[in-house]
Amino acid sequence: MSARSLLRSLTIGALLLTASHASAFDQAQTDEIEGIVRNYLLEHPEVLLESIQALDAKRAAEAKVGQRDTILGLKSRLEASPEGTVVGNPKGDVTLVEFFDYNCGYCRRAASDVKVLVDSDPNLRVVLKEIPVLGPPSEAATRVSLAFREVAPEKYGAFQKALLASRSQADETRALEVAKDFGVDEATLRPKIGGSGVAAALSESAELATALDINGTPSYVIGDEVVPGAVGADALAQKIANVRACGSATCPPAGN
């Protein structure tokens, strides 16, 4: 151990000792110890930065464990797939769950990533979850979308792609227009839009997103991790490969 490392250890030890056994020292001794610690920290402020970084790393590790446990507890609900919501292989060995909003520009980009993954990976199962986080127009579009899913689940995948690709804002009017293009008119959808099925689907996705601390789109759940943002097909493919290789979205370094 270098002299500097030894001094650092002694100083930090003195700080901890002072904090935990303050009553064991008289005032002069306490002042002397605190002076040593203060002078050391002034001369070596990087120690404080190292402590903060270590604390951040510890909290991140704890959060990851907590997130993994939450995902494990919600696994059946996350991977549940009402008819029409699965893209790719319904019996795939890895499930990718995507949370999206119809008015999210990044979700439009992510749609092409999902297509690349599905086209290149015959054993991938993708489950689509709608969370309208971008305001009333998004919620209105989602209500139409979920109503469409009830009425014509076999067409939902194509409908979802078409509405997500809209150049104009996705709202109730636009969603109804897209539904009509697929042969489902407003009169058929209107009773479902405010119905219990749509309300239950919205509530379910919102509860899952809240439990996983998801507040933006797109967000993915892969294995034991939440992956926020449009990270790209390559990054997602690596996570999927990791799940197959080690059962986790992030495999430990070789040798560990």
Protein backbone atom coordinates (compact mmCIF):
# COMPACT_ATOMS: atom_id res chain seq x y z
CA MET A 1 0.00 0.00 0.00
CA SER A 2 1.36 3.41 -0.93
CA ALA A 3 1.83 6.13 1.68
CA ARG A 4 -0.98 8.11 0.09
CA SER A 5 -3.37 5.12 0.17
CA LEU A 6 -2.42 4.45 3.77
CA LEU A 7 -3.05 8.07 4.72
CA ARG A 8 -6.38 7.99 2.93
CA SER A 9 -7.42 4.84 4.76
CA LEU A 10 -6.35 6.22 8.10
CA THR A 11 -8.12 9.51 7.46
CA ILE A 12 -11.38 7.88 6.40
CA GLY A 13 -11.08 5.53 9.35
CA ALA A 14 -10.60 8.50 11.65
CA LEU A 15 -13.69 10.15 10.19
CA LEU A 16 -15.77 7.03 10.75
CA LEU A 17 -14.34 6.53 14.21
CA THR A 18 -15.14 10.11 15.14
CA ALA A 19 -18.67 9.83 13.86
CA SER A 20 -19.40 6.58 15.68
CA HIS A 21 -17.50 7.18 18.91
CA ALA A 22 -17.69 10.92 19.34
CA SER A 23 -18.46 10.59 23.04
CA ALA A 24 -15.22 8.63 23.61
CA PHE A 25 -13.01 11.65 22.84
CA ASP A 26 -12.67 14.91 24.67
CA GLN A 27 -13.22 18.13 22.72
CA ALA A 28 -9.53 18.70 22.00
CA GLN A 29 -9.13 15.20 20.56
CA THR A 30 -12.28 15.54 18.49
CA ASP A 31 -11.14 18.89 17.12
CA GLU A 32 -7.73 17.45 16.22
CA ILE A 33 -9.23 14.46 14.38
CA GLU A 34 -11.71 16.64 12.54
CA GLY A 35 -8.89 18.99 11.56
CA ILE A 36 -6.87 16.12 10.09
CA VAL A 37 -9.86 14.91 8.11
CA ARG A 38 -10.75 18.42 6.92
CA ASN A 39 -7.22 19.16 5.77
CA TYR A 40 -6.97 15.84 3.96
CA LEU A 41 -10.26 16.38 2.12
CA LEU A 42 -9.23 19.91 1.13
CA GLU A 43 -5.94 18.61 -0.25
CA HIS A 44 -7.56 15.55 -1.90
CA PRO A 45 -11.13 16.49 -2.94
CA GLU A 46 -11.12 13.59 -5.40
CA VAL A 47 -11.83 11.35 -2.40
CA LEU A 48 -15.29 12.90 -2.14
CA LEU A 49 -15.89 12.30 -5.85
CA GLU A 50 -14.78 8.69 -5.49
CA SER A 51 -17.18 8.26 -2.57
CA ILE A 52 -20.07 9.71 -4.58
CA GLN A 53 -19.25 7.47 -7.53
CA ALA A 54 -19.09 4.43 -5.26
CA LEU A 55 -22.44 5.37 -3.74
CA ASP A 56 -23.98 5.84 -7.18
CA ALA A 57 -22.65 2.46 -8.30
CA LYS A 58 -24.04 0.80 -5.18
CA ARG A 59 -27.46 2.38 -5.68
CA ALA A 60 -27.49 1.42 -9.37
CA ALA A 61 -26.67 -2.19 -8.48
CA GLU A 62 -29.42 -2.24 -5.85
CA ALA A 63 -31.89 -0.71 -8.31
CA LYS A 64 -31.00 -3.34 -10.90
CA VAL A 65 -31.65 -6.13 -8.41
CA GLY A 66 -34.95 -4.52 -7.45
CA GLN A 67 -35.93 -4.13 -11.10
CA ARG A 68 -35.04 -7.75 -11.84
CA ASP A 69 -37.18 -8.94 -8.94
CA THR A 70 -40.08 -6.77 -10.11
CA ILE A 71 -39.85 -8.12 -13.65
CA LEU A 72 -39.77 -11.67 -12.31
CA GLY A 73 -42.89 -11.02 -10.26
CA LEU A 74 -44.70 -9.49 -13.25
CA LYS A 75 -43.44 -11.96 -15.85
CA SER A 76 -46.76 -13.65 -16.57
CA ARG A 77 -48.58 -10.33 -16.88
CA LEU A 78 -45.85 -8.78 -19.01
CA GLU A 79 -45.78 -11.66 -21.44
CA ALA A 80 -49.57 -12.08 -21.53
CA SER A 81 -50.74 -11.41 -25.06
CA PRO A 82 -54.36 -10.81 -26.00
CA GLU A 83 -55.08 -12.04 -29.51
CA GLY A 84 -53.33 -9.94 -32.14
CA THR A 85 -50.65 -8.42 -29.91
CA VAL A 86 -47.84 -10.87 -30.66
CA VAL A 87 -45.39 -10.09 -33.46
CA GLY A 88 -43.00 -12.77 -34.62
CA ASN A 89 -43.08 -16.34 -33.34
CA PRO A 90 -45.92 -16.86 -30.80
CA LYS A 91 -43.91 -19.76 -29.35
CA GLY A 92 -40.52 -18.05 -29.47
CA ASP A 93 -37.91 -18.85 -26.83
CA VAL A 94 -37.31 -15.17 -25.94
CA THR A 95 -40.03 -12.55 -25.42
CA LEU A 96 -39.40 -8.87 -26.08
CA VAL A 97 -42.08 -6.59 -24.61
CA GLU A 98 -42.40 -3.15 -26.18
CA PHE A 99 -44.27 -0.25 -24.58
CA PHE A 100 -45.17 2.39 -27.18
CA ASP A 101 -47.20 5.54 -27.84
CA TYR A 102 -48.68 6.30 -31.27
CA ASN A 103 -47.41 9.89 -31.17
CA CYS A 104 -43.87 8.99 -30.19
CA GLY A 105 -41.46 9.79 -33.03
CA TYR A 106 -38.86 7.44 -31.59
CA CYS A 107 -41.47 4.65 -31.56
CA ARG A 108 -41.83 5.05 -35.32
CA ARG A 109 -38.09 4.49 -35.65
CA ALA A 110 -38.27 1.58 -33.22
CA ALA A 111 -40.95 -0.09 -35.36
CA SER A 112 -38.33 -0.68 -38.06
CA ASP A 113 -35.96 -2.08 -35.41
CA VAL A 114 -38.59 -4.59 -34.29
CA LYS A 115 -39.21 -5.60 -37.90
CA VAL A 116 -35.48 -6.19 -38.44
CA LEU A 117 -35.34 -8.33 -35.29
CA VAL A 118 -38.42 -10.37 -36.19
CA ASP A 119 -37.26 -10.89 -39.77
CA SER A 120 -33.81 -12.03 -38.68
CA ASP A 121 -34.77 -14.07 -35.59
CA PRO A 122 -37.36 -16.81 -36.17
CA ASN A 123 -37.47 -17.63 -32.45
CA LEU A 124 -38.29 -14.13 -31.20
CA ARG A 125 -41.67 -13.33 -29.70
CA VAL A 126 -42.63 -9.64 -29.41
CA VAL A 127 -45.55 -8.43 -27.28
CA LEU A 128 -46.94 -4.94 -27.91
CA LYS A 129 -48.17 -2.84 -24.96
CA GLU A 130 -49.84 0.53 -25.52
CA ILE A 131 -49.15 3.30 -22.99
CA PRO A 132 -50.43 6.72 -24.13
CA VAL A 133 -47.98 8.91 -22.22
CA LEU A 134 -48.01 11.87 -24.60
CA GLY A 135 -51.36 13.39 -23.73
CA PRO A 136 -55.05 13.28 -24.65
CA PRO A 137 -54.62 12.74 -28.43
CA SER A 138 -52.47 9.66 -27.73
CA GLU A 139 -54.99 8.31 -25.24
CA ALA A 140 -57.84 8.85 -27.71
CA ALA A 141 -55.91 7.04 -30.46
CA THR A 142 -55.07 4.21 -28.10
CA ARG A 143 -58.71 3.77 -27.11
CA VAL A 144 -59.64 3.37 -30.78
CA SER A 145 -56.71 1.01 -31.27
CA LEU A 146 -57.67 -1.21 -28.35
CA ALA A 147 -61.28 -1.21 -29.52
CA PHE A 148 -60.06 -2.25 -32.98
CA ARG A 149 -58.07 -5.05 -31.36
CA GLU A 150 -61.24 -6.36 -29.71
CA VAL A 151 -63.19 -6.28 -32.95
CA ALA A 152 -60.55 -7.45 -35.43
CA PRO A 153 -57.56 -8.93 -33.56
CA GLU A 154 -56.27 -10.65 -36.69
CA LYS A 155 -55.79 -7.21 -38.29
CA TYR A 156 -54.35 -5.46 -35.23
CA GLY A 157 -50.70 -5.88 -36.20
CA ALA A 158 -51.22 -4.27 -39.60
CA PHE A 159 -53.44 -1.56 -38.09
CA GLN A 160 -50.82 -0.75 -35.45
CA LYS A 161 -48.10 -0.36 -38.06
CA ALA A 162 -50.29 1.86 -40.23
CA LEU A 163 -51.38 4.17 -37.40
CA LEU A 164 -47.86 4.38 -36.00
CA ALA A 165 -46.58 5.36 -39.45
CA SER A 166 -49.08 8.22 -39.79
CA ARG A 167 -47.51 11.52 -40.76
CA SER A 168 -50.24 13.47 -38.97
CA GLN A 169 -50.89 13.41 -35.23
CA ALA A 170 -52.47 10.21 -34.00
CA ASP A 171 -55.78 11.07 -32.36
CA GLU A 172 -59.28 9.62 -32.40
CA THR A 173 -60.08 10.97 -35.85
CA ARG A 174 -56.92 9.62 -37.43
CA ALA A 175 -57.26 6.26 -35.69
CA LEU A 176 -60.83 5.92 -36.94
CA GLU A 177 -59.67 6.73 -40.47
CA VAL A 178 -57.04 4.00 -40.33
CA ALA A 179 -59.57 1.55 -38.88
CA LYS A 180 -61.92 2.29 -41.77
CA ASP A 181 -59.08 1.51 -44.20
CA PHE A 182 -59.03 -1.96 -42.63
CA GLY A 183 -62.78 -2.42 -43.00
CA VAL A 184 -63.87 -1.52 -39.45
CA ASP A 185 -66.14 1.50 -39.23
CA GLU A 186 -66.77 3.95 -36.39
CA ALA A 187 -70.23 2.56 -35.65
CA THR A 188 -68.67 -0.80 -34.86
CA LEU A 189 -65.90 0.66 -32.73
CA ARG A 190 -67.79 3.34 -30.82
CA PRO A 191 -69.40 1.01 -28.22
CA LYS A 192 -66.01 -0.57 -27.54
CA ILE A 193 -64.03 2.67 -27.19
CA GLY A 194 -65.63 3.50 -23.85
CA GLY A 195 -66.15 -0.12 -22.84
CA SER A 196 -64.75 -2.19 -20.01
CA GLY A 197 -62.35 -4.12 -22.24
CA VAL A 198 -60.50 -1.02 -23.39
CA ALA A 199 -60.48 0.42 -19.85
CA ALA A 200 -59.03 -2.83 -18.47
CA ALA A 201 -56.30 -2.97 -21.14
CA LEU A 202 -55.31 0.65 -20.48
CA SER A 203 -55.23 0.05 -16.73
CA GLU A 204 -53.16 -3.11 -17.08
CA SER A 205 -50.48 -1.49 -19.21
CA ALA A 206 -50.38 1.58 -16.95
CA GLU A 207 -49.93 -0.58 -13.85
CA LEU A 208 -47.10 -2.51 -15.45
CA ALA A 209 -45.37 0.67 -16.62
CA THR A 210 -45.67 2.23 -13.15
CA ALA A 211 -44.33 -0.88 -11.42
CA LEU A 212 -41.31 -0.89 -13.75
CA ASP A 213 -40.79 2.88 -13.52
CA ILE A 214 -41.40 3.25 -17.26
CA ASN A 215 -42.41 6.81 -18.11
CA GLY A 216 -41.21 7.17 -21.68
CA THR A 217 -41.53 5.37 -24.99
CA PRO A 218 -40.34 3.24 -26.54
CA SER A 219 -39.33 1.09 -23.59
CA TYR A 220 -38.59 -2.60 -23.73
CA VAL A 221 -38.49 -5.44 -21.27
CA ILE A 222 -35.99 -8.13 -22.23
CA GLY A 223 -35.28 -10.97 -19.85
CA ASP A 224 -34.57 -9.30 -16.51
CA GLU A 225 -34.06 -5.71 -17.71
CA VAL A 226 -35.99 -2.65 -18.73
CA VAL A 227 -34.31 -1.05 -21.74
CA PRO A 228 -35.46 2.54 -22.24
CA GLY A 229 -35.36 4.41 -25.52
CA ALA A 230 -34.88 3.64 -29.21
CA VAL A 231 -31.54 1.92 -28.69
CA GLY A 232 -31.51 0.27 -32.12
CA ALA A 233 -31.83 -3.24 -33.47
CA ASP A 234 -28.21 -4.21 -32.80
CA ALA A 235 -28.38 -3.35 -29.09
CA LEU A 236 -31.67 -5.19 -28.70
CA ALA A 237 -30.34 -8.20 -30.60
CA GLN A 238 -27.36 -8.36 -28.23
CA LYS A 239 -29.68 -8.34 -25.20
CA ILE A 240 -31.76 -11.10 -26.77
CA ALA A 241 -28.62 -13.16 -27.46
CA ASN A 242 -27.52 -12.65 -23.85
CA VAL A 243 -30.82 -13.99 -22.54
CA ARG A 244 -30.28 -17.12 -24.58
CA ALA A 245 -26.66 -17.42 -23.50
CA CYS A 246 -26.85 -16.73 -19.77
CA GLY A 247 -30.50 -16.14 -18.89
CA SER A 248 -29.95 -12.42 -18.34
CA ALA A 249 -30.06 -9.39 -20.64
CA THR A 250 -26.52 -8.57 -19.47
CA CYS A 251 -24.14 -11.48 -19.09
CA PRO A 252 -21.34 -11.28 -16.51
CA PRO A 253 -17.82 -10.79 -17.88
CA ALA A 254 -16.05 -13.99 -18.91
CA GLY A 255 -14.36 -15.65 -15.96
CA ASN A 256 -16.80 -14.27 -13.37
